[in-house]
Amino acid sequence: MLKQQTKLRVRLYARLSKDDGDADKESNSITNQLQMLRYNAKEKGFEVIGEYVDDGYSGTTFNRPALNRMIKDAMDDPEPSGIMVKDMSRFGRNNAMFMYYVEEIFPNNDILFIALNDDVDTRFDENEMMPFKSIMNEYYARDTSKKIRSVKKTTALSGGFCGSFAPYGYVVDPENKRKLLVDPDTAPIVKRIFELSKQGNSVHQIARTLCEDGVLIPRAYRAMKNGTLETSTGFKFPTDWVAKNVKMILENQVYLGHMVSHKTQTKSFKNKKPVAVPKEEWIIVRNTHEAIIDEETFELVQKFISVKKQPNKTGRPNIFVGLVKCPDCGRNMAFSNPNGREPRFRCRTYVRNSNLCTTHAISYEALQQIVMSDIQKHIKNMEALGDQFIQEMHELSEKGGSKKIKQFEKDLEVAEKRIAEIDSVIMKLFEQNALGKISDERFEKMSSAYESEQKELAQKRDELRTKIRAEEKKTQSTNQFLETIRKYETVTELNRSMLVELIDSIYVYQAEGTGKDRKQRVEINYRFLAGSQCGIA
């Protein structure tokens, strides 16, 4: 039966996004869609009461401004009206949402739906193919999404940049959109952020400093470069740096010259909300562009931003933050002034529960003197002994490193053996459960406990492997230690930069004896020397 033209008030809707592909881009352009809709409305004798356009929005989401406005206008319209699109895919590629609107919402609100190319017109009962076409539209979106993901992954694996905009400190190469170039305007700010962190400033302090200096936040800087900063309503405080943004910069390996991709992904082709990807699944390709930060500085900063720099009650800065540790429980030591006395370090575990560890207490001043004296001792020996000192440092590093490596390897062997034992135990538990010798509840409880232990052992194994590699590296880095310590030949007072560059950790042991006989071992582990140096407080 031929469809009769009926006087109808209609709203025209057009949509276009990159999901639609290059092949159909010309025919699906907004201009062509509207021309086609206007022509057909005129031919059919319809009255056009509104035109709505969403340019750059995916059809898999129904959260589109013009679409939502059009549907609201139609539902608020006291008279019956219709919605007309070029084809069903323009309205949406989410089958569930499409059918919900066309078969539930629209009929209940006296709204007709017309898709010209698909021969869909809800004024008539000849729309049997509509559900099948809607499903095909969704499959098209799913297939396109897979292809886009595949292309992005291939680009990422080859070291190409595939982000929406360049990371702060870089710009996209105008001749190659897959390559990054250093931005001369913001790269110095990135260097400054790392230097401030290296000096012991927390991410909150760095954010406050940048804000006070009037430095534009990354998003505002991009808007300024695009010429939209003045007209945008989203930048009431364009210099309002927050700790989170500073931390993201400090943790980003892109500043080492490495391309880091696949850090986030959308939940699905229908849900475009980004979700974080586990760090072990990131795609990292080394040396793809010019570095802004060197490896040594980056490693130092990672070490110190991992330490929570909570404000202390002493009223004075702690230049040792993140460095002073308890050799028994391994935790960072607490910095405080109990009962208003001289500021000192105490074991954090002991502070919380005195039954779990001992105090390991040492005064802040005493620790400063010990560390400064030890550094000065190395400097004096270096000046007095020359090549002999260098040789002695090499021997000390190799000897100390070999001893530590042997202990780490022994601990690693024990951990790996236990991990294998737990695999065997869990297998036996599974067999006993399958044979009915132990209940499901008992099996779940026991296997969960073993799996938890195995997980902790696996983490310990990875840490030990890292420590072994670090010690092996230290035995080859004595010259680097000498080069670094020469920078502080004339320094007479300990400072944060000196500590960060020279020292990896300081272990404070429990004091022995009392009064004049009191002695306390302080182990100073230098960054470029395997082994340790000891002081007496």
Protein backbone atom coordinates (compact mmCIF):
# COMPACT_ATOMS: atom_id res chain seq x y z
CA MET A 1 0.00 0.00 0.00
CA LEU A 2 1.37 3.44 -0.95
CA LYS A 3 2.05 5.80 1.90
CA GLN A 4 -0.13 8.86 1.80
CA GLN A 5 1.43 12.28 2.36
CA THR A 6 -0.09 13.80 5.50
CA LYS A 7 0.28 17.30 6.84
CA LEU A 8 2.69 16.86 9.72
CA ARG A 9 4.80 19.15 11.90
CA VAL A 10 8.34 17.76 11.95
CA ARG A 11 11.68 18.42 13.58
CA LEU A 12 14.73 17.66 11.45
CA TYR A 13 17.76 16.00 13.04
CA ALA A 14 21.28 15.60 11.60
CA ARG A 15 24.37 14.01 13.17
CA LEU A 16 27.93 13.34 12.07
CA SER A 17 30.97 11.89 13.84
CA LYS A 18 34.33 10.37 13.01
CA ASP A 19 32.76 6.95 13.67
CA ASP A 20 31.00 7.19 10.31
CA GLY A 21 34.20 6.67 8.30
CA ASP A 22 35.75 8.58 5.43
CA ALA A 23 33.87 6.73 2.69
CA ASP A 24 30.46 8.12 3.72
CA LYS A 25 31.66 11.44 5.07
CA GLU A 26 30.62 13.47 2.03
CA SER A 27 27.15 11.98 1.66
CA ASN A 28 26.62 12.07 5.43
CA SER A 29 27.83 15.64 5.89
CA ILE A 30 25.59 17.89 7.97
CA THR A 31 24.90 20.09 4.96
CA ASN A 32 23.82 17.18 2.76
CA GLN A 33 21.67 15.67 5.50
CA LEU A 34 19.80 18.93 6.08
CA GLN A 35 19.35 19.57 2.36
CA MET A 36 17.87 16.10 1.91
CA LEU A 37 15.59 16.48 4.94
CA ARG A 38 14.34 19.92 3.87
CA TYR A 39 13.66 18.72 0.31
CA ASN A 40 11.68 15.67 1.45
CA ALA A 41 9.76 17.66 4.04
CA LYS A 42 8.70 20.07 1.34
CA GLU A 43 7.82 17.26 -1.07
CA LYS A 44 5.69 15.52 1.54
CA GLY A 45 4.02 18.74 2.60
CA PHE A 46 5.44 18.67 6.13
CA GLU A 47 5.84 21.79 8.23
CA VAL A 48 9.42 22.09 9.55
CA ILE A 49 9.24 23.48 13.10
CA GLY A 50 12.89 23.02 14.07
CA GLU A 51 16.33 21.84 12.96
CA TYR A 52 18.78 20.14 15.36
CA VAL A 53 22.41 19.28 14.70
CA ASP A 54 25.00 17.24 16.65
CA ASP A 55 28.36 17.52 14.90
CA GLY A 56 31.18 15.38 16.32
CA TYR A 57 29.05 13.09 18.50
CA SER A 58 29.05 9.30 18.33
CA GLY A 59 25.82 7.50 17.55
CA THR A 60 26.50 4.93 20.28
CA THR A 61 25.66 7.47 22.98
CA PHE A 62 22.31 9.17 23.39
CA ASN A 63 23.78 11.86 25.60
CA ARG A 64 23.93 14.48 22.82
CA PRO A 65 22.91 18.10 23.43
CA ALA A 66 20.87 18.72 20.25
CA LEU A 67 19.22 15.28 20.40
CA ASN A 68 18.21 15.73 24.04
CA ARG A 69 16.90 19.23 23.32
CA MET A 70 14.89 17.99 20.34
CA ILE A 71 13.32 15.12 22.28
CA LYS A 72 12.42 17.47 25.15
CA ASP A 73 10.87 19.97 22.73
CA ALA A 74 8.85 17.20 21.10
CA MET A 75 7.65 15.81 24.42
CA ASP A 76 6.69 19.28 25.66
CA ASP A 77 4.85 20.05 22.43
CA PRO A 78 1.07 20.11 23.15
CA GLU A 79 0.38 19.06 19.55
CA PRO A 80 1.42 15.82 17.80
CA SER A 81 4.66 16.13 15.86
CA GLY A 82 7.32 14.03 14.18
CA ILE A 83 11.10 13.59 14.07
CA MET A 84 12.72 13.08 10.68
CA VAL A 85 16.27 11.85 9.97
CA LYS A 86 18.15 10.80 6.88
CA ASP A 87 18.49 7.23 8.16
CA MET A 88 18.17 5.35 11.44
CA SER A 89 21.92 5.48 12.15
CA ARG A 90 21.74 9.29 12.32
CA PHE A 91 19.37 8.99 15.28
CA GLY A 92 21.57 6.39 16.99
CA ARG A 93 23.60 3.18 16.74
CA ASN A 94 22.65 1.76 20.14
CA ASN A 95 19.95 -0.79 19.39
CA ALA A 96 18.47 -0.94 22.91
CA MET A 97 18.18 2.84 23.20
CA PHE A 98 16.92 3.26 19.62
CA MET A 99 14.10 0.77 20.07
CA TYR A 100 13.27 2.18 23.52
CA TYR A 101 12.67 5.64 22.08
CA VAL A 102 10.97 4.62 18.82
CA GLU A 103 8.68 1.94 20.28
CA GLU A 104 8.08 3.25 23.83
CA ILE A 105 8.81 6.92 24.42
CA PHE A 106 7.67 8.36 21.09
CA PRO A 107 4.32 6.51 20.76
CA ASN A 108 3.42 7.40 24.37
CA ASN A 109 4.01 11.09 23.62
CA ASP A 110 2.37 11.31 20.18
CA ILE A 111 5.73 11.64 18.42
CA LEU A 112 6.17 10.06 14.99
CA PHE A 113 9.54 8.87 13.65
CA ILE A 114 10.64 8.94 10.02
CA ALA A 115 13.97 7.62 8.63
CA LEU A 116 13.96 8.38 4.90
CA ASN A 117 16.60 6.03 3.47
CA ASP A 118 15.46 3.11 5.63
CA ASP A 119 11.81 3.54 4.58
CA VAL A 120 10.74 3.79 8.22
CA ASP A 121 7.63 5.80 9.04
CA THR A 122 5.77 5.05 12.28
CA ARG A 123 2.55 6.55 10.87
CA PHE A 124 2.18 3.18 9.14
CA ASP A 125 2.52 -0.47 10.15
CA GLU A 126 5.11 -1.42 7.54
CA ASN A 127 8.28 -1.18 9.64
CA GLU A 128 9.06 -4.88 10.11
CA MET A 129 12.71 -4.45 9.06
CA MET A 130 13.37 -1.63 11.52
CA PRO A 131 14.62 -3.85 14.43
CA PHE A 132 17.00 -5.75 12.13
CA LYS A 133 18.40 -2.55 10.63
CA SER A 134 18.88 -1.14 14.13
CA ILE A 135 20.88 -4.22 15.13
CA MET A 136 23.02 -3.88 12.00
CA ASN A 137 23.69 -0.23 12.83
CA GLU A 138 24.95 -1.28 16.26
CA TYR A 139 27.16 -3.98 14.75
CA TYR A 140 28.60 -1.37 12.41
CA ALA A 141 29.50 0.79 15.42
CA ARG A 142 31.00 -2.20 17.24
CA ASP A 143 33.10 -3.15 14.20
CA THR A 144 34.28 0.44 13.70
CA SER A 145 35.24 0.67 17.37
CA LYS A 146 37.33 -2.52 17.07
CA LYS A 147 39.11 -1.15 14.01
CA ILE A 148 39.86 2.16 15.71
CA ARG A 149 41.24 0.36 18.77
CA SER A 150 43.36 -1.88 16.54
CA VAL A 151 44.82 1.10 14.68
CA LYS A 152 45.57 2.92 17.93
CA LYS A 153 47.25 -0.15 19.42
CA THR A 154 49.38 -0.66 16.31
CA THR A 155 50.39 3.01 16.43
CA ALA A 156 51.22 2.74 20.13
CA LEU A 157 53.31 -0.43 19.66
CA SER A 158 55.33 1.29 16.94
CA GLY A 159 56.06 4.23 19.27
CA GLY A 160 53.71 6.68 17.59
CA PHE A 161 51.74 9.31 19.49
CA CYS A 162 48.00 8.61 19.42
CA GLY A 163 46.60 10.99 22.04
CA SER A 164 44.09 13.78 21.54
CA PHE A 165 46.64 16.42 22.49
CA ALA A 166 50.35 16.51 23.34
CA PRO A 167 51.44 16.05 26.99
CA TYR A 168 52.32 19.25 28.82
CA GLY A 169 55.88 20.18 27.82
CA TYR A 170 55.51 18.89 24.26
CA VAL A 171 53.75 19.78 21.01
CA VAL A 172 52.71 17.54 18.13
CA ASP A 173 55.10 17.72 15.17
CA PRO A 174 53.20 19.65 12.44
CA GLU A 175 54.85 17.44 9.80
CA ASN A 176 54.14 14.16 11.61
CA LYS A 177 51.15 13.99 13.97
CA ARG A 178 52.52 10.75 15.46
CA LYS A 179 55.67 12.45 16.79
CA LEU A 180 56.26 14.79 19.75
CA LEU A 181 58.51 17.84 19.84
CA VAL A 182 59.68 19.75 22.92
CA ASP A 183 57.58 22.86 23.62
CA PRO A 184 60.05 25.69 24.41
CA ASP A 185 57.38 27.51 26.44
CA THR A 186 56.37 24.73 28.85
CA ALA A 187 59.38 22.39 28.93
CA PRO A 188 61.20 24.74 31.37
CA ILE A 189 58.16 24.57 33.68
CA VAL A 190 58.28 20.76 33.60
CA LYS A 191 61.99 20.90 34.53
CA ARG A 192 61.19 23.30 37.34
CA ILE A 193 58.48 20.98 38.70
CA PHE A 194 60.96 18.09 38.84
CA GLU A 195 63.64 20.29 40.43
CA LEU A 196 61.21 21.48 43.12
CA SER A 197 60.31 17.86 43.87
CA LYS A 198 63.97 16.90 43.98
CA GLN A 199 64.55 19.63 46.56
CA GLY A 200 61.99 18.02 48.85
CA ASN A 201 58.84 19.99 48.07
CA SER A 202 55.58 18.05 48.23
CA VAL A 203 53.20 18.02 45.28
CA HIS A 204 50.94 20.38 47.27
CA GLN A 205 53.80 22.83 47.82
CA ILE A 206 54.76 22.70 44.14
CA ALA A 207 51.16 23.33 43.09
CA ARG A 208 50.97 26.32 45.44
CA THR A 209 54.26 27.73 44.08
CA LEU A 210 53.10 27.47 40.45
CA CYS A 211 49.78 29.07 41.34
CA GLU A 212 51.50 31.97 43.14
CA ASP A 213 53.78 32.51 40.13
CA GLY A 214 50.79 32.73 37.78
CA VAL A 215 51.66 29.66 35.69
CA LEU A 216 48.73 28.52 33.55
CA ILE A 217 47.46 25.01 34.23
CA PRO A 218 47.92 22.61 31.25
CA ARG A 219 44.28 22.81 30.15
CA ALA A 220 44.27 26.60 30.28
CA TYR A 221 47.58 26.73 28.41
CA ARG A 222 46.09 24.63 25.59
CA ALA A 223 43.09 26.96 25.47
CA MET A 224 45.41 29.97 25.26
CA LYS A 225 47.32 28.41 22.35
CA ASN A 226 43.99 27.73 20.61
CA GLY A 227 42.82 31.29 21.25
CA THR A 228 39.83 30.22 23.37
CA LEU A 229 41.05 31.10 26.87
CA GLU A 230 39.37 34.50 26.97
CA THR A 231 36.04 33.27 25.60
CA SER A 232 35.83 30.01 27.54
CA THR A 233 33.68 29.85 30.66
CA GLY A 234 35.59 26.87 32.09
CA PHE A 235 38.65 28.79 33.31
CA LYS A 236 37.57 30.92 36.24
CA PHE A 237 40.95 30.17 37.87
CA PRO A 238 43.36 29.36 35.00
CA THR A 239 46.40 29.22 37.32
CA ASP A 240 44.80 26.99 39.97
CA TRP A 241 47.28 24.10 40.01
CA VAL A 242 46.32 21.10 42.15
CA ALA A 243 48.52 18.38 43.62
CA LYS A 244 46.96 15.71 41.40
CA ASN A 245 48.11 17.46 38.20
CA VAL A 246 51.63 17.95 39.56
CA LYS A 247 51.86 14.27 40.55
CA MET A 248 50.69 13.18 37.09
CA ILE A 249 53.54 15.17 35.51
CA LEU A 250 56.12 13.82 37.97
CA GLU A 251 55.07 10.21 37.29
CA ASN A 252 54.87 10.48 33.49
CA GLN A 253 57.65 8.60 31.69
CA VAL A 254 57.00 10.62 28.54
CA TYR A 255 59.47 13.19 29.91
CA LEU A 256 62.23 10.56 29.66
CA GLY A 257 61.70 10.45 25.91
CA HIS A 258 59.52 7.31 26.06
CA MET A 259 56.08 7.04 24.48
CA VAL A 260 53.55 5.82 27.04
CA SER A 261 50.19 4.71 25.63
CA HIS A 262 47.12 2.65 26.55
CA LYS A 263 46.91 4.18 30.04
CA THR A 264 43.12 4.43 29.75
CA GLN A 265 40.42 2.88 27.59
CA THR A 266 36.68 3.26 27.20
CA LYS A 267 34.38 0.81 28.98
CA SER A 268 32.88 -0.33 25.70
CA PHE A 269 31.98 0.96 22.24
CA LYS A 270 28.69 2.14 23.76
CA ASN A 271 30.10 3.65 26.95
CA LYS A 272 32.82 6.20 26.19
CA LYS A 273 33.70 6.80 29.86
CA PRO A 274 37.49 6.29 30.23
CA VAL A 275 38.73 3.78 32.78
CA ALA A 276 42.28 3.29 34.00
CA VAL A 277 44.30 0.41 32.54
CA PRO A 278 46.56 -1.53 34.98
CA LYS A 279 50.13 -0.22 34.84
CA GLU A 280 51.51 -3.57 33.73
CA GLU A 281 49.36 -3.35 30.59
CA TRP A 282 50.58 0.08 29.50
CA ILE A 283 52.39 0.22 26.17
CA ILE A 284 55.81 1.85 26.62
CA VAL A 285 58.21 2.36 23.71
CA ARG A 286 61.56 3.82 24.69
CA ASN A 287 63.48 6.70 23.10
CA THR A 288 60.83 7.90 20.66
CA HIS A 289 61.37 11.65 21.16
CA GLU A 290 63.63 14.17 22.90
CA ALA A 291 63.72 13.81 26.68
CA ILE A 292 63.07 16.75 29.00
CA ILE A 293 64.16 14.97 32.21
CA ASP A 294 67.16 12.65 32.68
CA GLU A 295 66.78 9.14 34.11
CA GLU A 296 68.62 9.92 37.36
CA THR A 297 66.36 12.86 38.24
CA PHE A 298 63.24 10.90 37.32
CA GLU A 299 64.22 7.93 39.52
CA LEU A 300 64.97 10.22 42.45
CA VAL A 301 61.63 11.96 42.15
CA GLN A 302 59.69 8.66 41.98
CA LYS A 303 61.33 7.61 45.18
CA PHE A 304 60.30 10.72 47.08
CA ILE A 305 56.78 11.32 45.74
CA SER A 306 55.91 7.79 46.90
CA VAL A 307 56.46 8.99 50.48
CA LYS A 308 53.49 10.74 52.11
CA LYS A 309 54.82 14.08 53.31
CA GLN A 310 52.39 14.73 56.12
CA PRO A 311 52.87 18.02 58.00
CA ASN A 312 54.86 17.44 61.21
CA LYS A 313 54.23 19.16 64.53
CA THR A 314 57.80 20.37 65.06
CA GLY A 315 57.33 23.57 63.09
CA ARG A 316 60.49 22.91 61.10
CA PRO A 317 61.17 21.16 57.77
CA ASN A 318 62.47 17.61 57.67
CA ILE A 319 65.19 17.34 55.02
CA PHE A 320 65.45 13.59 55.67
CA VAL A 321 61.86 12.82 54.64
CA GLY A 322 61.62 9.39 53.01
CA LEU A 323 65.24 8.49 53.79
CA VAL A 324 65.37 7.43 57.46
CA LYS A 325 64.21 3.87 58.06
CA CYS A 326 63.99 1.31 60.82
CA PRO A 327 66.26 -1.69 60.06
CA ASP A 328 64.00 -4.08 61.98
CA CYS A 329 60.52 -3.40 60.58
CA GLY A 330 61.64 -1.55 57.42
CA ARG A 331 59.20 1.35 57.81
CA ASN A 332 60.05 5.02 57.43
CA MET A 333 60.77 6.60 60.81
CA ALA A 334 58.45 9.21 62.28
CA PHE A 335 59.70 12.77 62.76
CA SER A 336 58.31 14.51 65.85
CA ASN A 337 59.11 16.33 69.10
CA PRO A 338 57.46 14.25 71.86
CA ASN A 339 56.54 16.26 74.96
CA GLY A 340 57.92 19.43 73.33
CA ARG A 341 61.49 18.15 73.41
CA GLU A 342 64.14 18.34 70.71
CA PRO A 343 62.89 17.05 67.33
CA ARG A 344 63.84 13.42 66.76
CA PHE A 345 63.16 10.33 64.70
CA ARG A 346 61.44 7.29 66.16
CA CYS A 347 60.30 4.00 64.66
CA ARG A 348 56.82 4.52 63.24
CA THR A 349 55.77 0.98 64.18
CA TYR A 350 56.87 1.58 67.79
CA VAL A 351 54.92 4.86 67.92
CA ARG A 352 51.73 3.00 66.99
CA ASN A 353 52.33 -0.12 69.07
CA SER A 354 55.33 -0.33 71.42
CA ASN A 355 55.01 -4.13 71.57
CA LEU A 356 55.85 -4.59 67.89
CA CYS A 357 59.24 -2.85 67.68
CA THR A 358 61.73 -0.71 69.63
CA THR A 359 62.22 3.06 69.53
CA HIS A 360 65.38 3.32 67.39
CA ALA A 361 65.24 6.97 68.47
CA ILE A 362 67.83 9.51 67.35
CA SER A 363 67.78 13.29 67.53
CA TYR A 364 67.47 15.31 64.35
CA GLU A 365 70.64 17.28 65.16
CA ALA A 366 72.66 14.14 65.87
CA LEU A 367 71.62 12.56 62.59
CA GLN A 368 72.52 15.73 60.70
CA GLN A 369 75.99 15.73 62.26
CA ILE A 370 76.61 12.04 61.54
CA VAL A 371 75.59 12.28 57.90
CA MET A 372 77.42 15.55 57.26
CA SER A 373 80.58 14.21 58.92
CA ASP A 374 80.48 11.05 56.84
CA ILE A 375 80.07 12.99 53.58
CA GLN A 376 82.93 15.33 54.56
CA LYS A 377 85.07 12.30 55.40
CA HIS A 378 84.63 10.99 51.87
CA ILE A 379 85.44 14.40 50.40
CA LYS A 380 88.64 14.74 52.49
CA ASN A 381 89.78 11.21 51.65
CA MET A 382 89.13 11.86 48.00
CA GLU A 383 91.26 15.02 48.10
CA ALA A 384 94.06 13.44 50.16
CA LEU A 385 94.34 10.01 48.58
CA GLY A 386 93.40 10.69 44.96
CA ASP A 387 93.58 7.50 42.85
CA GLN A 388 94.11 5.36 45.94
CA PHE A 389 90.79 6.56 47.36
CA ILE A 390 89.05 5.79 44.09
CA GLN A 391 90.46 2.27 44.13
CA GLU A 392 89.43 1.77 47.76
CA MET A 393 85.90 2.94 46.98
CA HIS A 394 85.69 0.49 44.09
CA GLU A 395 86.81 -2.35 46.35
CA LEU A 396 84.46 -1.31 49.15
CA SER A 397 81.54 -1.09 46.75
CA GLU A 398 82.25 -4.48 45.19
CA LYS A 399 82.76 -6.16 48.58
CA GLY A 400 79.65 -4.65 50.16
CA GLY A 401 77.61 -5.23 47.04
CA SER A 402 78.63 -8.86 46.78
CA LYS A 403 77.61 -9.45 50.39
CA LYS A 404 74.21 -7.83 49.91
CA ILE A 405 73.58 -9.59 46.61
CA LYS A 406 74.30 -12.98 48.19
CA GLN A 407 71.80 -12.27 50.97
CA PHE A 408 69.18 -11.04 48.49
CA GLU A 409 69.72 -14.12 46.30
CA LYS A 410 69.35 -16.37 49.35
CA ASP A 411 66.07 -14.66 50.32
CA LEU A 412 64.93 -14.88 46.69
CA GLU A 413 65.59 -18.61 46.59
CA VAL A 414 63.55 -19.13 49.77
CA ALA A 415 60.64 -17.07 48.36
CA GLU A 416 60.60 -18.90 45.02
CA LYS A 417 60.76 -22.28 46.76
CA ARG A 418 57.79 -21.37 48.96
CA ILE A 419 55.80 -20.10 45.96
CA ALA A 420 56.30 -23.48 44.25
CA GLU A 421 55.32 -25.31 47.45
CA ILE A 422 52.06 -23.35 47.69
CA ASP A 423 51.21 -24.26 44.06
CA SER A 424 51.59 -27.92 45.03
CA VAL A 425 49.53 -27.51 48.22
CA ILE A 426 46.67 -25.77 46.38
CA MET A 427 46.65 -28.56 43.77
CA LYS A 428 46.37 -31.20 46.52
CA LEU A 429 43.58 -29.23 48.19
CA PHE A 430 41.75 -29.13 44.86
CA GLU A 431 42.06 -32.91 44.50
CA GLN A 432 40.83 -33.50 48.06
CA ASN A 433 37.88 -31.19 47.45
CA ALA A 434 37.06 -32.94 44.17
CA LEU A 435 37.13 -36.32 45.98
CA GLY A 436 34.86 -34.99 48.72
CA LYS A 437 37.48 -35.28 51.47
CA ILE A 438 37.17 -31.58 52.38
CA SER A 439 34.11 -29.37 52.05
CA ASP A 440 33.77 -26.52 49.56
CA GLU A 441 33.71 -24.02 52.42
CA ARG A 442 36.91 -25.44 53.91
CA PHE A 443 38.57 -25.51 50.49
CA GLU A 444 37.70 -21.86 49.81
CA LYS A 445 39.02 -20.75 53.21
CA MET A 446 42.30 -22.68 52.96
CA SER A 447 43.01 -21.89 49.31
CA SER A 448 42.29 -18.21 49.90
CA ALA A 449 44.83 -18.09 52.74
CA TYR A 450 47.50 -19.81 50.62
CA GLU A 451 46.81 -17.58 47.63
CA SER A 452 47.14 -14.50 49.84
CA GLU A 453 50.49 -15.75 51.13
CA GLN A 454 51.64 -16.53 47.59
CA LYS A 455 50.68 -13.07 46.43
CA GLU A 456 52.78 -11.48 49.19
CA LEU A 457 55.70 -13.77 48.32
CA ALA A 458 55.44 -12.85 44.64
CA GLN A 459 55.63 -9.17 45.57
CA LYS A 460 58.63 -9.86 47.81
CA ARG A 461 60.27 -11.83 44.98
CA ASP A 462 59.88 -8.90 42.59
CA GLU A 463 61.29 -6.50 45.19
CA LEU A 464 64.31 -8.74 45.77
CA ARG A 465 65.00 -8.98 42.05
CA THR A 466 64.86 -5.19 41.85
CA LYS A 467 67.28 -4.89 44.79
CA ILE A 468 69.71 -7.33 43.17
CA ARG A 469 69.71 -5.36 39.93
CA ALA A 470 70.20 -2.13 41.88
CA GLU A 471 73.20 -3.52 43.80
CA GLU A 472 74.74 -4.87 40.60
CA LYS A 473 74.34 -1.41 39.08
CA LYS A 474 75.89 0.25 42.13
CA THR A 475 79.10 -1.79 41.85
CA GLN A 476 79.61 -0.18 38.46
CA SER A 477 78.71 3.37 39.54
CA THR A 478 81.53 4.38 41.91
CA ASN A 479 82.80 6.98 39.46
CA GLN A 480 79.35 8.54 39.37
CA PHE A 481 79.42 8.81 43.16
CA LEU A 482 82.76 10.61 43.04
CA GLU A 483 81.52 13.01 40.37
CA THR A 484 78.41 13.80 42.41
CA ILE A 485 80.20 14.27 45.74
CA ARG A 486 82.67 16.72 44.16
CA LYS A 487 79.76 19.13 43.68
CA TYR A 488 79.60 19.53 47.48
CA GLU A 489 83.28 20.02 48.31
CA THR A 490 82.68 23.52 49.67
CA VAL A 491 79.32 22.86 51.35
CA THR A 492 79.46 23.06 55.15
CA GLU A 493 75.78 22.52 55.99
CA LEU A 494 73.59 19.59 55.04
CA ASN A 495 70.73 20.37 52.64
CA ARG A 496 67.98 18.46 50.89
CA SER A 497 69.56 18.49 47.42
CA MET A 498 72.77 16.99 48.81
CA LEU A 499 70.88 14.21 50.57
CA VAL A 500 68.73 13.38 47.57
CA GLU A 501 71.64 13.17 45.15
CA LEU A 502 74.01 11.22 47.39
CA ILE A 503 71.99 8.98 49.71
CA ASP A 504 69.60 6.14 49.02
CA SER A 505 68.60 5.33 52.62
CA ILE A 506 69.68 5.74 56.25
CA TYR A 507 69.05 2.93 58.76
CA VAL A 508 69.04 3.88 62.45
CA TYR A 509 69.61 0.93 64.79
CA GLN A 510 68.51 0.57 68.39
CA ALA A 511 70.96 2.27 70.75
CA GLU A 512 73.01 0.14 73.14
CA GLY A 513 74.16 1.23 76.59
CA THR A 514 73.30 4.37 78.53
CA GLY A 515 74.86 7.71 79.38
CA LYS A 516 78.46 8.09 78.20
CA ASP A 517 78.50 4.43 77.14
CA ARG A 518 75.52 4.87 74.83
CA LYS A 519 76.32 3.90 71.24
CA GLN A 520 74.09 3.78 68.21
CA ARG A 521 74.81 2.45 64.76
CA VAL A 522 73.70 4.55 61.79
CA GLU A 523 73.99 2.88 58.38
CA ILE A 524 74.26 5.27 55.43
CA ASN A 525 73.55 3.67 52.07
CA TYR A 526 74.90 5.84 49.26
CA ARG A 527 73.15 5.80 45.91
CA PHE A 528 76.21 4.86 43.84
CA LEU A 529 78.01 2.63 46.34
CA ALA A 530 77.13 -0.96 47.15
CA GLY A 531 77.59 -1.66 50.85
CA SER A 532 77.19 0.91 53.62
CA GLN A 533 79.01 3.37 55.88
CA CYS A 534 78.42 3.47 59.62
CA GLY A 535 78.38 6.34 62.09
CA ILE A 536 78.20 6.47 65.88
CA ALA A 537 75.75 8.81 67.59
